[in-house]
């Protein structure tokens, strides 16, 4: 990192820390972020010293850019939690404090700093919701076109078009989303790696402050942070989680996410389309209603695995939602068919 860039980032972080601290007035986090602001000012001083060594005079004052001003304006109006990803991207540490509490509570020793593997359940959840999206959207499309009273061949063509358009759209959106998230994670982790190499004690001090804010005693927090630095890989992983609120295990593959999204949506969208490939006339439409209803109930029951609700409740709720969406599009299609007829 260029010394001037590092100086500017630390100055920006210090300014944002103070805004966050004001927003947390009256809580233990207020002191944490004030101390982190002081640590950032110290880091800026180190970067300033690097510039002087290179024969460059550090700027007399830091000039806020438009993005920093906007985020600083939003923090007291929206709170920190909704902005934690943006703040992490702007090198504001301690965002893990705004994550959902871990089921095992705060860490009290290094043995309780776990590397949780969540990718498997996350992929399963994404697959279930991808199937649900394809099922509801294409069933609604087919029922809307059928309501207009067009020929079965037109319904079939519309269903195929809906499947392909939706699947490619979902895949493209998922690729961009995961690619952007991965680039963000990689950039932030690279910054942490560089700072860990150059200023290990300062990084340990910041990490100790975050542990203190989570309820760890000051001496124990510093001991944990210093011990972590003995293992650079583990230290980097922990810094990413505790300072940035990131999970290095969740970088993900953009292509893998895109392909999975395409296949999941296609599977869901194919179900209401299948009867029109095998049957004809009103029998095909009845088959679509039956297949879609059974599938919606099954998807709702599967979603209950993630919501904790009863499978029967989840299935009936999803069936009701799908029926409402399909019924509405059928009525709209029917009205348009009569009006344009």
C-alpha atoms as a PDB file:
ATOM      1  CA  UNK A   1       0.000   0.000   0.000  1.00  0.00           C
ATOM      2  CA  UNK A   2       1.257   3.496  -0.814  1.00  0.00           C
ATOM      3  CA  UNK A   3       2.053   5.483   2.336  1.00  0.00           C
ATOM      4  CA  UNK A   4      -0.217   8.393   1.374  1.00  0.00           C
ATOM      5  CA  UNK A   5      -3.100   5.982   0.690  1.00  0.00           C
ATOM      6  CA  UNK A   6      -2.539   4.283   4.047  1.00  0.00           C
ATOM      7  CA  UNK A   7      -2.460   7.647   5.835  1.00  0.00           C
ATOM      8  CA  UNK A   8      -5.715   8.734   4.179  1.00  0.00           C
ATOM      9  CA  UNK A   9      -7.465   5.451   5.019  1.00  0.00           C
ATOM     10  CA  UNK A  10      -6.504   5.672   8.681  1.00  0.00           C
ATOM     11  CA  UNK A  11      -7.616   9.305   8.883  1.00  0.00           C
ATOM     12  CA  UNK A  12     -10.935   8.397   7.279  1.00  0.00           C
ATOM     13  CA  UNK A  13     -11.362   5.474   9.682  1.00  0.00           C
ATOM     14  CA  UNK A  14     -10.635   7.698  12.684  1.00  0.00           C
ATOM     15  CA  UNK A  15     -13.293  10.197  11.567  1.00  0.00           C
ATOM     16  CA  UNK A  16     -15.868   7.445  11.047  1.00  0.00           C
ATOM     17  CA  UNK A  17     -15.000   5.803  14.373  1.00  0.00           C
ATOM     18  CA  UNK A  18     -15.909   9.049  16.120  1.00  0.00           C
ATOM     19  CA  UNK A  19     -19.247   9.211  14.310  1.00  0.00           C
ATOM     20  CA  UNK A  20     -19.988   5.599  15.297  1.00  0.00           C
ATOM     21  CA  UNK A  21     -18.907   6.345  18.863  1.00  0.00           C
ATOM     22  CA  UNK A  22     -21.359   9.248  19.051  1.00  0.00           C
ATOM     23  CA  UNK A  23     -24.084   6.968  17.709  1.00  0.00           C
ATOM     24  CA  UNK A  24     -23.275   4.459  20.486  1.00  0.00           C
ATOM     25  CA  UNK A  25     -23.388   7.101  23.233  1.00  0.00           C
ATOM     26  CA  UNK A  26     -24.016   5.590  26.658  1.00  0.00           C
ATOM     27  CA  UNK A  27     -22.979   2.039  25.693  1.00  0.00           C
ATOM     28  CA  UNK A  28     -19.677   0.168  26.190  1.00  0.00           C
ATOM     29  CA  UNK A  29     -19.175   0.405  22.429  1.00  0.00           C
ATOM     30  CA  UNK A  30     -18.799   4.175  22.690  1.00  0.00           C
ATOM     31  CA  UNK A  31     -15.480   3.800  24.512  1.00  0.00           C
ATOM     32  CA  UNK A  32     -14.355   1.027  22.164  1.00  0.00           C
ATOM     33  CA  UNK A  33     -14.812   3.128  19.040  1.00  0.00           C
ATOM     34  CA  UNK A  34     -13.177   6.160  20.653  1.00  0.00           C
ATOM     35  CA  UNK A  35     -10.145   4.008  21.427  1.00  0.00           C
ATOM     36  CA  UNK A  36     -10.187   2.603  17.908  1.00  0.00           C
ATOM     37  CA  UNK A  37     -10.226   6.184  16.612  1.00  0.00           C
ATOM     38  CA  UNK A  38      -7.127   6.899  18.668  1.00  0.00           C
ATOM     39  CA  UNK A  39      -5.505   3.724  17.340  1.00  0.00           C
ATOM     40  CA  UNK A  40      -6.299   4.803  13.785  1.00  0.00           C
ATOM     41  CA  UNK A  41      -4.746   8.210  14.422  1.00  0.00           C
ATOM     42  CA  UNK A  42      -1.648   6.421  15.719  1.00  0.00           C
ATOM     43  CA  UNK A  43      -1.554   4.283  12.566  1.00  0.00           C
ATOM     44  CA  UNK A  44      -1.884   7.426  10.454  1.00  0.00           C
ATOM     45  CA  UNK A  45       1.119   8.816  12.311  1.00  0.00           C
ATOM     46  CA  UNK A  46       3.123   5.719  11.402  1.00  0.00           C
ATOM     47  CA  UNK A  47       2.191   6.171   7.746  1.00  0.00           C
ATOM     48  CA  UNK A  48       3.167   9.832   8.036  1.00  0.00           C
ATOM     49  CA  UNK A  49       6.571   8.770   9.332  1.00  0.00           C
ATOM     50  CA  UNK A  50       6.929   6.461   6.327  1.00  0.00           C
ATOM     51  CA  UNK A  51       6.209   9.409   4.021  1.00  0.00           C
ATOM     52  CA  UNK A  52       8.819  11.541   5.762  1.00  0.00           C
ATOM     53  CA  UNK A  53      11.369   8.767   5.321  1.00  0.00           C
ATOM     54  CA  UNK A  54      10.589   8.812   1.604  1.00  0.00           C
ATOM     55  CA  UNK A  55      11.034  12.600   1.495  1.00  0.00           C
ATOM     56  CA  UNK A  56       7.313  13.345   1.206  1.00  0.00           C
ATOM     57  CA  UNK A  57       5.584  15.816   3.523  1.00  0.00           C
ATOM     58  CA  UNK A  58       2.298  14.439   4.910  1.00  0.00           C
ATOM     59  CA  UNK A  59      -0.820  16.573   4.226  1.00  0.00           C
ATOM     60  CA  UNK A  60      -1.579  19.152   6.894  1.00  0.00           C
ATOM     61  CA  UNK A  61      -5.153  17.895   7.243  1.00  0.00           C
ATOM     62  CA  UNK A  62      -7.358  15.144   5.897  1.00  0.00           C
ATOM     63  CA  UNK A  63     -10.033  16.263   3.448  1.00  0.00           C
ATOM     64  CA  UNK A  64     -13.210  14.198   3.564  1.00  0.00           C
ATOM     65  CA  UNK A  65     -14.397  12.795   0.256  1.00  0.00           C
ATOM     66  CA  UNK A  66     -18.055  12.729  -0.773  1.00  0.00           C
ATOM     67  CA  UNK A  67     -18.590   9.038   0.053  1.00  0.00           C
ATOM     68  CA  UNK A  68     -17.200   9.444   3.578  1.00  0.00           C
ATOM     69  CA  UNK A  69     -19.410  12.489   4.187  1.00  0.00           C
ATOM     70  CA  UNK A  70     -22.462  10.567   2.970  1.00  0.00           C
ATOM     71  CA  UNK A  71     -21.756   7.557   5.196  1.00  0.00           C
ATOM     72  CA  UNK A  72     -21.064   9.861   8.146  1.00  0.00           C
ATOM     73  CA  UNK A  73     -24.444  11.523   7.518  1.00  0.00           C
ATOM     74  CA  UNK A  74     -26.239   8.169   7.318  1.00  0.00           C
ATOM     75  CA  UNK A  75     -24.805   6.593  10.491  1.00  0.00           C
ATOM     76  CA  UNK A  76     -26.807   8.631  13.054  1.00  0.00           C
ATOM     77  CA  UNK A  77     -29.948   8.366  10.914  1.00  0.00           C
ATOM     78  CA  UNK A  78     -29.881   4.646  10.079  1.00  0.00           C
ATOM     79  CA  UNK A  79     -27.707   3.210  12.842  1.00  0.00           C
ATOM     80  CA  UNK A  80     -24.530   1.182  12.478  1.00  0.00           C
ATOM     81  CA  UNK A  81     -25.946  -2.300  11.886  1.00  0.00           C
ATOM     82  CA  UNK A  82     -27.561  -1.606   8.461  1.00  0.00           C
ATOM     83  CA  UNK A  83     -24.307   0.031   7.307  1.00  0.00           C
ATOM     84  CA  UNK A  84     -21.835  -2.497   8.705  1.00  0.00           C
ATOM     85  CA  UNK A  85     -20.815  -3.894   5.294  1.00  0.00           C
ATOM     86  CA  UNK A  86     -20.174  -0.391   3.955  1.00  0.00           C
ATOM     87  CA  UNK A  87     -18.236   0.560   7.085  1.00  0.00           C
ATOM     88  CA  UNK A  88     -16.139  -2.598   6.900  1.00  0.00           C
ATOM     89  CA  UNK A  89     -15.295  -1.748   3.293  1.00  0.00           C
ATOM     90  CA  UNK A  90     -14.149   1.676   4.503  1.00  0.00           C
ATOM     91  CA  UNK A  91     -11.773   0.108   7.048  1.00  0.00           C
ATOM     92  CA  UNK A  92     -13.930   0.594  10.116  1.00  0.00           C
ATOM     93  CA  UNK A  93     -13.137  -2.313  12.443  1.00  0.00           C
ATOM     94  CA  UNK A  94     -15.291  -3.943  15.084  1.00  0.00           C
ATOM     95  CA  UNK A  95     -18.240  -4.719  12.820  1.00  0.00           C
ATOM     96  CA  UNK A  96     -18.417  -8.266  14.232  1.00  0.00           C
ATOM     97  CA  UNK A  97     -20.050  -6.649  17.282  1.00  0.00           C
ATOM     98  CA  UNK A  98     -23.145  -6.127  15.111  1.00  0.00           C
ATOM     99  CA  UNK A  99     -23.412  -9.727  13.977  1.00  0.00           C
ATOM    100  CA  UNK A 100     -26.012 -11.989  15.551  1.00  0.00           C
ATOM    101  CA  UNK A 101     -24.753 -13.325  18.882  1.00  0.00           C
ATOM    102  CA  UNK A 102     -23.029 -16.686  18.624  1.00  0.00           C
ATOM    103  CA  UNK A 103     -24.953 -19.481  20.364  1.00  0.00           C
ATOM    104  CA  UNK A 104     -21.986 -20.232  22.632  1.00  0.00           C
ATOM    105  CA  UNK A 105     -21.612 -16.599  23.778  1.00  0.00           C
ATOM    106  CA  UNK A 106     -18.541 -14.415  23.898  1.00  0.00           C
ATOM    107  CA  UNK A 107     -15.059 -15.924  23.554  1.00  0.00           C
ATOM    108  CA  UNK A 108     -13.247 -16.367  26.851  1.00  0.00           C
ATOM    109  CA  UNK A 109     -10.206 -18.184  25.519  1.00  0.00           C
ATOM    110  CA  UNK A 110      -8.508 -19.099  22.278  1.00  0.00           C
ATOM    111  CA  UNK A 111     -10.229 -22.475  22.388  1.00  0.00           C
ATOM    112  CA  UNK A 112     -13.549 -20.704  21.808  1.00  0.00           C
ATOM    113  CA  UNK A 113     -12.451 -18.870  18.671  1.00  0.00           C
ATOM    114  CA  UNK A 114     -13.956 -21.372  16.231  1.00  0.00           C
ATOM    115  CA  UNK A 115     -13.840 -21.551  12.473  1.00  0.00           C
ATOM    116  CA  UNK A 116     -17.475 -22.171  11.699  1.00  0.00           C
ATOM    117  CA  UNK A 117     -18.274 -23.904   8.443  1.00  0.00           C
ATOM    118  CA  UNK A 118     -21.567 -22.506   7.148  1.00  0.00           C
ATOM    119  CA  UNK A 119     -21.163 -22.923   3.391  1.00  0.00           C
ATOM    120  CA  UNK A 120     -23.013 -26.258   3.259  1.00  0.00           C
ATOM    121  CA  UNK A 121     -26.201 -25.050   4.929  1.00  0.00           C
ATOM    122  CA  UNK A 122     -25.992 -21.790   2.966  1.00  0.00           C
ATOM    123  CA  UNK A 123     -25.849 -23.651  -0.355  1.00  0.00           C
ATOM    124  CA  UNK A 124     -28.798 -25.854   0.622  1.00  0.00           C
ATOM    125  CA  UNK A 125     -30.827 -22.818   1.641  1.00  0.00           C
ATOM    126  CA  UNK A 126     -30.001 -21.056  -1.660  1.00  0.00           C
ATOM    127  CA  UNK A 127     -31.006 -24.155  -3.634  1.00  0.00           C
ATOM    128  CA  UNK A 128     -34.379 -24.432  -1.883  1.00  0.00           C
ATOM    129  CA  UNK A 129     -35.170 -20.756  -2.438  1.00  0.00           C
ATOM    130  CA  UNK A 130     -33.956 -20.972  -6.047  1.00  0.00           C
ATOM    131  CA  UNK A 131     -36.377 -23.822  -6.739  1.00  0.00           C
ATOM    132  CA  UNK A 132     -39.145 -21.845  -5.044  1.00  0.00           C
ATOM    133  CA  UNK A 133     -38.450 -18.753  -7.180  1.00  0.00           C
ATOM    134  CA  UNK A 134     -38.587 -20.762 -10.397  1.00  0.00           C
ATOM    135  CA  UNK A 135     -41.707 -22.619  -9.326  1.00  0.00           C
ATOM    136  CA  UNK A 136     -43.751 -19.567  -8.314  1.00  0.00           C
ATOM    137  CA  UNK A 137     -42.645 -17.276 -11.152  1.00  0.00           C
ATOM    138  CA  UNK A 138     -43.107 -19.738 -14.013  1.00  0.00           C
ATOM    139  CA  UNK A 139     -46.337 -21.185 -12.641  1.00  0.00           C
ATOM    140  CA  UNK A 140     -47.708 -17.656 -12.371  1.00  0.00           C
ATOM    141  CA  UNK A 141     -46.559 -16.879 -15.912  1.00  0.00           C
ATOM    142  CA  UNK A 142     -48.168 -20.023 -17.310  1.00  0.00           C
ATOM    143  CA  UNK A 143     -51.433 -19.386 -15.459  1.00  0.00           C
ATOM    144  CA  UNK A 144     -51.494 -15.765 -16.596  1.00  0.00           C
ATOM    145  CA  UNK A 145     -51.042 -16.745 -20.237  1.00  0.00           C
ATOM    146  CA  UNK A 146     -53.569 -19.570 -19.862  1.00  0.00           C
ATOM    147  CA  UNK A 147     -56.060 -17.113 -18.382  1.00  0.00           C
ATOM    148  CA  UNK A 148     -55.848 -15.061 -21.559  1.00  0.00           C
ATOM    149  CA  UNK A 149     -57.326 -18.040 -23.422  1.00  0.00           C
ATOM    150  CA  UNK A 150     -54.464 -18.586 -25.881  1.00  0.00           C
ATOM    151  CA  UNK A 151     -53.535 -21.846 -27.580  1.00  0.00           C
ATOM    152  CA  UNK A 152     -51.631 -24.527 -25.575  1.00  0.00           C
ATOM    153  CA  UNK A 153     -48.655 -24.100 -27.913  1.00  0.00           C
ATOM    154  CA  UNK A 154     -48.410 -20.429 -26.902  1.00  0.00           C
ATOM    155  CA  UNK A 155     -48.609 -21.391 -23.230  1.00  0.00           C
ATOM    156  CA  UNK A 156     -45.819 -23.923 -23.747  1.00  0.00           C
ATOM    157  CA  UNK A 157     -43.642 -21.386 -25.572  1.00  0.00           C
ATOM    158  CA  UNK A 158     -44.264 -18.802 -22.852  1.00  0.00           C
ATOM    159  CA  UNK A 159     -43.315 -21.303 -20.157  1.00  0.00           C
ATOM    160  CA  UNK A 160     -40.072 -22.238 -21.917  1.00  0.00           C
ATOM    161  CA  UNK A 161     -39.235 -18.559 -22.428  1.00  0.00           C
ATOM    162  CA  UNK A 162     -39.995 -17.850 -18.769  1.00  0.00           C
ATOM    163  CA  UNK A 163     -37.770 -20.711 -17.636  1.00  0.00           C
ATOM    164  CA  UNK A 164     -34.805 -19.613 -19.756  1.00  0.00           C
ATOM    165  CA  UNK A 165     -35.168 -15.887 -19.077  1.00  0.00           C
ATOM    166  CA  UNK A 166     -35.556 -16.390 -15.346  1.00  0.00           C
ATOM    167  CA  UNK A 167     -32.731 -18.912 -15.058  1.00  0.00           C
ATOM    168  CA  UNK A 168     -30.245 -16.762 -16.991  1.00  0.00           C
ATOM    169  CA  UNK A 169     -31.302 -13.668 -15.048  1.00  0.00           C
ATOM    170  CA  UNK A 170     -30.855 -15.452 -11.709  1.00  0.00           C
ATOM    171  CA  UNK A 171     -27.487 -16.847 -12.775  1.00  0.00           C
ATOM    172  CA  UNK A 172     -26.210 -13.464 -13.940  1.00  0.00           C
ATOM    173  CA  UNK A 173     -27.374 -11.744 -10.773  1.00  0.00           C
ATOM    174  CA  UNK A 174     -25.834 -14.412  -8.553  1.00  0.00           C
ATOM    175  CA  UNK A 175     -22.524 -14.260 -10.433  1.00  0.00           C
ATOM    176  CA  UNK A 176     -22.270 -10.476 -10.058  1.00  0.00           C
ATOM    177  CA  UNK A 177     -23.290 -10.641  -6.403  1.00  0.00           C
ATOM    178  CA  UNK A 178     -20.805 -13.345  -5.392  1.00  0.00           C
ATOM    179  CA  UNK A 179     -18.031 -11.888  -7.559  1.00  0.00           C
ATOM    180  CA  UNK A 180     -18.452  -8.478  -5.929  1.00  0.00           C
ATOM    181  CA  UNK A 181     -18.585  -9.995  -2.445  1.00  0.00           C
ATOM    182  CA  UNK A 182     -15.482 -12.073  -3.118  1.00  0.00           C
ATOM    183  CA  UNK A 183     -13.525  -9.055  -4.414  1.00  0.00           C
ATOM    184  CA  UNK A 184     -14.556  -7.102  -1.311  1.00  0.00           C
ATOM    185  CA  UNK A 185     -13.490  -9.915   1.013  1.00  0.00           C
ATOM    186  CA  UNK A 186     -10.191 -10.435  -0.798  1.00  0.00           C
ATOM    187  CA  UNK A 187      -9.343  -6.731  -0.723  1.00  0.00           C
ATOM    188  CA  UNK A 188     -10.142  -6.374   2.968  1.00  0.00           C
ATOM    189  CA  UNK A 189      -8.241  -9.522   3.913  1.00  0.00           C
ATOM    190  CA  UNK A 190      -5.242  -8.380   1.843  1.00  0.00           C
ATOM    191  CA  UNK A 191      -5.242  -5.083   3.772  1.00  0.00           C
ATOM    192  CA  UNK A 192      -5.320  -6.973   7.050  1.00  0.00           C
ATOM    193  CA  UNK A 193      -2.448  -9.223   5.928  1.00  0.00           C
ATOM    194  CA  UNK A 194      -0.314  -6.225   4.987  1.00  0.00           C
ATOM    195  CA  UNK A 195      -1.017  -4.392   8.234  1.00  0.00           C
ATOM    196  CA  UNK A 196      -0.432  -7.553  10.252  1.00  0.00           C
ATOM    197  CA  UNK A 197       3.002  -7.872   8.641  1.00  0.00           C
ATOM    198  CA  UNK A 198       3.936  -4.222   9.134  1.00  0.00           C
ATOM    199  CA  UNK A 199       2.282  -3.323  12.451  1.00  0.00           C
ATOM    200  CA  UNK A 200       1.509  -6.521  14.404  1.00  0.00           C
ATOM    201  CA  UNK A 201       1.369  -4.872  17.819  1.00  0.00           C
ATOM    202  CA  UNK A 202      -1.096  -2.225  16.658  1.00  0.00           C
ATOM    203  CA  UNK A 203      -3.309  -4.930  15.166  1.00  0.00           C
ATOM    204  CA  UNK A 204      -3.129  -6.888  18.420  1.00  0.00           C
ATOM    205  CA  UNK A 205      -4.162  -3.785  20.354  1.00  0.00           C
ATOM    206  CA  UNK A 206      -7.205  -3.233  18.106  1.00  0.00           C
ATOM    207  CA  UNK A 207      -8.229  -6.878  18.429  1.00  0.00           C
ATOM    208  CA  UNK A 208      -7.885  -6.726  22.211  1.00  0.00           C
ATOM    209  CA  UNK A 209     -10.202  -3.708  22.303  1.00  0.00           C
ATOM    210  CA  UNK A 210     -12.849  -5.639  20.373  1.00  0.00           C
ATOM    211  CA  UNK A 211     -12.569  -8.589  22.765  1.00  0.00           C
ATOM    212  CA  UNK A 212     -12.970  -6.186  25.676  1.00  0.00           C
ATOM    213  CA  UNK A 213     -16.155  -4.815  24.113  1.00  0.00           C
ATOM    214  CA  UNK A 214     -17.455  -8.386  24.000  1.00  0.00           C
ATOM    215  CA  UNK A 215     -16.948  -8.732  27.741  1.00  0.00           C
ATOM    216  CA  UNK A 216     -13.463 -10.232  28.027  1.00  0.00           C
ATOM    217  CA  UNK A 217     -11.300  -8.820  30.826  1.00  0.00           C
ATOM    218  CA  UNK A 218      -8.646  -6.359  29.652  1.00  0.00           C
ATOM    219  CA  UNK A 219      -5.618  -8.470  30.597  1.00  0.00           C
ATOM    220  CA  UNK A 220      -7.128 -11.645  29.157  1.00  0.00           C
ATOM    221  CA  UNK A 221      -8.161  -9.857  25.959  1.00  0.00           C
ATOM    222  CA  UNK A 222      -4.606  -8.623  25.409  1.00  0.00           C
ATOM    223  CA  UNK A 223      -3.156 -12.064  26.191  1.00  0.00           C
ATOM    224  CA  UNK A 224      -5.503 -13.688  23.657  1.00  0.00           C
ATOM    225  CA  UNK A 225      -4.595 -11.131  20.990  1.00  0.00           C
ATOM    226  CA  UNK A 226      -0.851 -11.483  21.603  1.00  0.00           C
ATOM    227  CA  UNK A 227      -1.072 -15.286  21.505  1.00  0.00           C
ATOM    228  CA  UNK A 228      -2.955 -15.178  18.222  1.00  0.00           C
ATOM    229  CA  UNK A 229      -0.136 -13.227  16.600  1.00  0.00           C
ATOM    230  CA  UNK A 230       2.180 -16.197  17.129  1.00  0.00           C
ATOM    231  CA  UNK A 231       0.250 -18.001  14.371  1.00  0.00           C
ATOM    232  CA  UNK A 232      -0.031 -15.564  11.396  1.00  0.00           C
ATOM    233  CA  UNK A 233      -2.613 -17.640   9.501  1.00  0.00           C
ATOM    234  CA  UNK A 234      -4.890 -17.983  12.499  1.00  0.00           C
ATOM    235  CA  UNK A 235      -4.333 -14.333  13.367  1.00  0.00           C
ATOM    236  CA  UNK A 236      -5.403 -13.239   9.872  1.00  0.00           C
ATOM    237  CA  UNK A 237      -8.497 -15.447   9.996  1.00  0.00           C
ATOM    238  CA  UNK A 238      -9.466 -14.051  13.405  1.00  0.00           C
ATOM    239  CA  UNK A 239      -8.805 -10.440  12.404  1.00  0.00           C
ATOM    240  CA  UNK A 240     -11.084 -10.878   9.388  1.00  0.00           C
ATOM    241  CA  UNK A 241     -13.860 -12.246  11.595  1.00  0.00           C
ATOM    242  CA  UNK A 242     -13.505 -10.005  14.637  1.00  0.00           C
ATOM    243  CA  UNK A 243     -12.383  -6.690  13.127  1.00  0.00           C
ATOM    244  CA  UNK A 244     -14.187  -6.824   9.789  1.00  0.00           C
ATOM    245  CA  UNK A 245     -17.123  -9.088  10.627  1.00  0.00           C
ATOM    246  CA  UNK A 246     -16.211 -11.237   7.590  1.00  0.00           C
ATOM    247  CA  UNK A 247     -16.121 -15.001   7.253  1.00  0.00           C
ATOM    248  CA  UNK A 248     -13.196 -16.124   5.047  1.00  0.00           C
ATOM    249  CA  UNK A 249     -14.920 -19.500   4.626  1.00  0.00           C
ATOM    250  CA  UNK A 250     -17.748 -17.814   2.721  1.00  0.00           C
ATOM    251  CA  UNK A 251     -15.816 -16.347  -0.205  1.00  0.00           C
ATOM    252  CA  UNK A 252     -17.632 -18.677  -2.568  1.00  0.00           C
ATOM    253  CA  UNK A 253     -17.208 -19.316  -6.284  1.00  0.00           C
ATOM    254  CA  UNK A 254     -19.015 -16.894  -8.640  1.00  0.00           C
ATOM    255  CA  UNK A 255     -19.317 -19.532 -11.365  1.00  0.00           C
ATOM    256  CA  UNK A 256     -20.423 -22.174  -8.888  1.00  0.00           C
ATOM    257  CA  UNK A 257     -23.078 -19.829  -7.499  1.00  0.00           C
ATOM    258  CA  UNK A 258     -24.260 -18.886 -10.997  1.00  0.00           C
ATOM    259  CA  UNK A 259     -24.533 -22.507 -12.167  1.00  0.00           C
ATOM    260  CA  UNK A 260     -26.266 -23.603  -8.952  1.00  0.00           C
ATOM    261  CA  UNK A 261     -28.739 -20.730  -9.240  1.00  0.00           C
ATOM    262  CA  UNK A 262     -29.412 -21.535 -12.907  1.00  0.00           C
ATOM    263  CA  UNK A 263     -30.064 -25.220 -12.167  1.00  0.00           C
ATOM    264  CA  UNK A 264     -32.197 -24.595  -9.069  1.00  0.00           C
ATOM    265  CA  UNK A 265     -34.393 -22.032 -10.808  1.00  0.00           C
ATOM    266  CA  UNK A 266     -34.684 -24.228 -13.913  1.00  0.00           C
ATOM    267  CA  UNK A 267     -35.777 -27.197 -11.811  1.00  0.00           C
ATOM    268  CA  UNK A 268     -38.503 -25.180 -10.133  1.00  0.00           C
ATOM    269  CA  UNK A 269     -39.642 -23.554 -13.375  1.00  0.00           C
ATOM    270  CA  UNK A 270     -39.762 -26.909 -15.189  1.00  0.00           C
ATOM    271  CA  UNK A 271     -42.328 -28.431 -12.831  1.00  0.00           C
ATOM    272  CA  UNK A 272     -45.371 -26.335 -13.936  1.00  0.00           C
ATOM    273  CA  UNK A 273     -44.178 -26.612 -17.552  1.00  0.00           C
ATOM    274  CA  UNK A 274     -43.945 -30.427 -17.601  1.00  0.00           C
ATOM    275  CA  UNK A 275     -47.712 -31.179 -17.926  1.00  0.00           C
ATOM    276  CA  UNK A 276     -47.858 -29.108 -21.122  1.00  0.00           C
ATOM    277  CA  UNK A 277     -45.072 -31.276 -22.560  1.00  0.00           C
ATOM    278  CA  UNK A 278     -46.901 -34.518 -21.737  1.00  0.00           C
ATOM    279  CA  UNK A 279     -50.596 -33.641 -21.849  1.00  0.00           C
ATOM    280  CA  UNK A 280     -52.932 -31.324 -23.749  1.00  0.00           C
ATOM    281  CA  UNK A 281     -55.849 -28.948 -23.256  1.00  0.00           C
ATOM    282  CA  UNK A 282     -57.516 -28.573 -19.883  1.00  0.00           C
ATOM    283  CA  UNK A 283     -55.829 -31.769 -18.690  1.00  0.00           C
ATOM    284  CA  UNK A 284     -52.430 -30.075 -19.035  1.00  0.00           C
ATOM    285  CA  UNK A 285     -53.628 -27.054 -17.072  1.00  0.00           C
ATOM    286  CA  UNK A 286     -55.049 -29.301 -14.346  1.00  0.00           C
ATOM    287  CA  UNK A 287     -51.729 -31.166 -14.263  1.00  0.00           C
ATOM    288  CA  UNK A 288     -49.876 -27.871 -13.838  1.00  0.00           C
ATOM    289  CA  UNK A 289     -52.121 -26.887 -10.930  1.00  0.00           C
ATOM    290  CA  UNK A 290     -51.653 -30.280  -9.247  1.00  0.00           C
ATOM    291  CA  UNK A 291     -47.880 -30.488  -9.787  1.00  0.00           C
ATOM    292  CA  UNK A 292     -47.359 -26.896  -8.714  1.00  0.00           C
ATOM    293  CA  UNK A 293     -49.512 -27.295  -5.603  1.00  0.00           C
ATOM    294  CA  UNK A 294     -47.681 -30.437  -4.454  1.00  0.00           C
ATOM    295  CA  UNK A 295     -44.297 -28.837  -5.156  1.00  0.00           C
ATOM    296  CA  UNK A 296     -45.185 -25.604  -3.349  1.00  0.00           C
ATOM    297  CA  UNK A 297     -46.216 -27.572  -0.288  1.00  0.00           C
ATOM    298  CA  UNK A 298     -42.966 -29.556  -0.434  1.00  0.00           C
ATOM    299  CA  UNK A 299     -40.822 -26.425  -0.807  1.00  0.00           C
ATOM    300  CA  UNK A 300     -42.652 -24.734   2.074  1.00  0.00           C
ATOM    301  CA  UNK A 301     -42.046 -27.787   4.249  1.00  0.00           C
ATOM    302  CA  UNK A 302     -38.355 -27.731   3.287  1.00  0.00           C
ATOM    303  CA  UNK A 303     -38.077 -24.012   4.110  1.00  0.00           C
ATOM    304  CA  UNK A 304     -39.376 -24.827   7.599  1.00  0.00           C
ATOM    305  CA  UNK A 305     -36.005 -26.499   8.211  1.00  0.00           C
ATOM    306  CA  UNK A 306     -34.449 -23.018   8.195  1.00  0.00           C
ATOM    307  CA  UNK A 307     -37.259 -21.103   9.906  1.00  0.00           C
ATOM    308  CA  UNK A 308     -37.929 -23.537  12.752  1.00  0.00           C
ATOM    309  CA  UNK A 309     -41.672 -23.572  11.964  1.00  0.00           C
ATOM    310  CA  UNK A 310     -43.683 -26.783  11.668  1.00  0.00           C
ATOM    311  CA  UNK A 311     -43.459 -28.444   8.257  1.00  0.00           C
ATOM    312  CA  UNK A 312     -47.256 -28.499   7.873  1.00  0.00           C
ATOM    313  CA  UNK A 313     -47.494 -24.771   8.594  1.00  0.00           C
ATOM    314  CA  UNK A 314     -44.619 -23.986   6.209  1.00  0.00           C
ATOM    315  CA  UNK A 315     -46.117 -26.109   3.446  1.00  0.00           C
ATOM    316  CA  UNK A 316     -49.602 -24.634   3.751  1.00  0.00           C
ATOM    317  CA  UNK A 317     -48.247 -21.098   3.933  1.00  0.00           C
ATOM    318  CA  UNK A 318     -46.210 -21.529   0.756  1.00  0.00           C
ATOM    319  CA  UNK A 319     -49.164 -23.182  -0.957  1.00  0.00           C
ATOM    320  CA  UNK A 320     -51.331 -20.198  -0.032  1.00  0.00           C
ATOM    321  CA  UNK A 321     -48.757 -17.687  -1.268  1.00  0.00           C
ATOM    322  CA  UNK A 322     -48.336 -19.542  -4.547  1.00  0.00           C
ATOM    323  CA  UNK A 323     -52.086 -19.865  -5.005  1.00  0.00           C
ATOM    324  CA  UNK A 324     -52.518 -16.135  -4.446  1.00  0.00           C
ATOM    325  CA  UNK A 325     -49.787 -15.285  -6.974  1.00  0.00           C
ATOM    326  CA  UNK A 326     -51.102 -17.750  -9.549  1.00  0.00           C
ATOM    327  CA  UNK A 327     -54.717 -16.699  -9.043  1.00  0.00           C
ATOM    328  CA  UNK A 328     -53.862 -13.022  -9.421  1.00  0.00           C
ATOM    329  CA  UNK A 329     -51.926 -13.542 -12.658  1.00  0.00           C
ATOM    330  CA  UNK A 330     -54.685 -15.799 -14.048  1.00  0.00           C
ATOM    331  CA  UNK A 331     -57.292 -13.087 -13.359  1.00  0.00           C
ATOM    332  CA  UNK A 332     -55.084 -10.412 -14.921  1.00  0.00           C
ATOM    333  CA  UNK A 333     -54.450 -12.612 -17.949  1.00  0.00           C
ATOM    334  CA  UNK A 334     -58.168 -13.345 -18.206  1.00  0.00           C
ATOM    335  CA  UNK A 335     -59.001  -9.620 -18.083  1.00  0.00           C
ATOM    336  CA  UNK A 336     -56.371  -8.762 -20.697  1.00  0.00           C
ATOM    337  CA  UNK A 337     -57.537 -11.607 -22.897  1.00  0.00           C
ATOM    338  CA  UNK A 338     -61.108 -10.291 -22.834  1.00  0.00           C
ATOM    339  CA  UNK A 339     -60.018  -6.671 -23.333  1.00  0.00           C
ATOM    340  CA  UNK A 340     -57.676  -7.424 -26.224  1.00  0.00           C
ATOM    341  CA  UNK A 341     -59.720 -10.324 -27.520  1.00  0.00           C
END
